[in-house]
Amino acid sequence: MSKKGNRHIRKSLHLPALSAVKYNPINKDLYARLVGSGHGIKMKGLMAVQKKILELELELE
């Protein structure tokens, strides 16, 4: 995980990503697939969900 980019955006997307993993079936499947793929790094799965949330937000604009 890189420290490049806006830290405020990363910080503000952390809790929504946790909620999305818990309640949204699409994000839950993405997270489970990434964590269960042998790497087992949970933060990488959360970062992927954060990126997906951010891309969804940019599409709506």
C-alpha atoms as a PDB file:
ATOM      1  CA  MET A   1       0.000   0.000   0.000  1.00  0.00           C
ATOM      2  CA  SER A   2       1.355   3.353  -1.000  1.00  0.00           C
ATOM      3  CA  LYS A   3       1.426   6.515   1.061  1.00  0.00           C
ATOM      4  CA  LYS A   4       1.151   8.552  -2.133  1.00  0.00           C
ATOM      5  CA  GLY A   5      -2.053  10.417  -2.779  1.00  0.00           C
ATOM      6  CA  ASN A   6      -4.348  12.423  -0.603  1.00  0.00           C
ATOM      7  CA  ARG A   7      -4.291  11.134   2.967  1.00  0.00           C
ATOM      8  CA  HIS A   8      -7.569  12.876   3.787  1.00  0.00           C
ATOM      9  CA  ILE A   9      -9.393  10.942   1.070  1.00  0.00           C
ATOM     10  CA  ARG A  10      -7.856   7.660   2.215  1.00  0.00           C
ATOM     11  CA  LYS A  11      -8.806   8.460   5.800  1.00  0.00           C
ATOM     12  CA  SER A  12     -12.372   9.431   4.928  1.00  0.00           C
ATOM     13  CA  LEU A  13     -12.966   6.263   2.860  1.00  0.00           C
ATOM     14  CA  HIS A  14     -11.827   3.831   5.557  1.00  0.00           C
ATOM     15  CA  LEU A  15     -15.074   3.523   7.550  1.00  0.00           C
ATOM     16  CA  PRO A  16     -17.337   3.492   4.472  1.00  0.00           C
ATOM     17  CA  ALA A  17     -15.223   0.639   3.107  1.00  0.00           C
ATOM     18  CA  LEU A  18     -15.668  -1.315   6.339  1.00  0.00           C
ATOM     19  CA  SER A  19     -19.436  -0.799   6.159  1.00  0.00           C
ATOM     20  CA  ALA A  20     -19.499  -1.747   2.491  1.00  0.00           C
ATOM     21  CA  VAL A  21     -17.649  -4.984   3.227  1.00  0.00           C
ATOM     22  CA  LYS A  22     -20.136  -5.785   5.968  1.00  0.00           C
ATOM     23  CA  TYR A  23     -23.411  -4.894   4.239  1.00  0.00           C
ATOM     24  CA  ASN A  24     -22.919  -4.680   0.450  1.00  0.00           C
ATOM     25  CA  PRO A  25     -22.837  -8.157  -1.160  1.00  0.00           C
ATOM     26  CA  ILE A  26     -20.778  -7.013  -4.162  1.00  0.00           C
ATOM     27  CA  ASN A  27     -18.067  -5.472  -2.013  1.00  0.00           C
ATOM     28  CA  LYS A  28     -18.258  -8.373   0.421  1.00  0.00           C
ATOM     29  CA  ASP A  29     -17.525 -10.803  -2.418  1.00  0.00           C
ATOM     30  CA  LEU A  30     -14.651  -8.663  -3.712  1.00  0.00           C
ATOM     31  CA  TYR A  31     -13.109  -8.466  -0.237  1.00  0.00           C
ATOM     32  CA  ALA A  32     -13.535 -12.194   0.421  1.00  0.00           C
ATOM     33  CA  ARG A  33     -12.022 -13.075  -2.953  1.00  0.00           C
ATOM     34  CA  LEU A  34      -8.962 -10.890  -2.388  1.00  0.00           C
ATOM     35  CA  VAL A  35      -8.375 -11.978   1.207  1.00  0.00           C
ATOM     36  CA  GLY A  36      -9.036 -15.641   0.486  1.00  0.00           C
ATOM     37  CA  SER A  37      -6.875 -15.790  -2.623  1.00  0.00           C
ATOM     38  CA  GLY A  38      -3.837 -16.916  -0.684  1.00  0.00           C
ATOM     39  CA  HIS A  39      -2.465 -13.489   0.109  1.00  0.00           C
ATOM     40  CA  GLY A  40      -4.684 -13.042   3.152  1.00  0.00           C
ATOM     41  CA  ILE A  41      -3.835  -9.366   3.583  1.00  0.00           C
ATOM     42  CA  LYS A  42      -7.011  -7.698   4.794  1.00  0.00           C
ATOM     43  CA  MET A  43      -5.830  -4.129   4.273  1.00  0.00           C
ATOM     44  CA  LYS A  44      -5.268  -4.770   0.566  1.00  0.00           C
ATOM     45  CA  GLY A  45      -8.854  -5.975   0.323  1.00  0.00           C
ATOM     46  CA  LEU A  46     -10.096  -2.858   2.082  1.00  0.00           C
ATOM     47  CA  MET A  47      -8.021  -0.641  -0.200  1.00  0.00           C
ATOM     48  CA  ALA A  48      -9.600  -2.331  -3.230  1.00  0.00           C
ATOM     49  CA  VAL A  49     -13.070  -1.631  -1.815  1.00  0.00           C
ATOM     50  CA  GLN A  50     -12.075   1.976  -1.134  1.00  0.00           C
ATOM     51  CA  LYS A  51     -10.931   2.342  -4.739  1.00  0.00           C
ATOM     52  CA  LYS A  52     -14.203   0.863  -5.972  1.00  0.00           C
ATOM     53  CA  ILE A  53     -16.206   3.301  -3.821  1.00  0.00           C
ATOM     54  CA  LEU A  54     -14.153   6.221  -5.117  1.00  0.00           C
ATOM     55  CA  GLU A  55     -14.585   5.155  -8.729  1.00  0.00           C
ATOM     56  CA  LEU A  56     -18.331   4.803  -8.191  1.00  0.00           C
ATOM     57  CA  GLU A  57     -18.432   8.317  -6.764  1.00  0.00           C
ATOM     58  CA  LEU A  58     -16.515   9.706  -9.749  1.00  0.00           C
ATOM     59  CA  GLU A  59     -18.886   7.975 -12.180  1.00  0.00           C
ATOM     60  CA  LEU A  60     -21.871   9.692 -10.607  1.00  0.00           C
ATOM     61  CA  GLU A  61     -20.471  13.179 -11.204  1.00  0.00           C
END
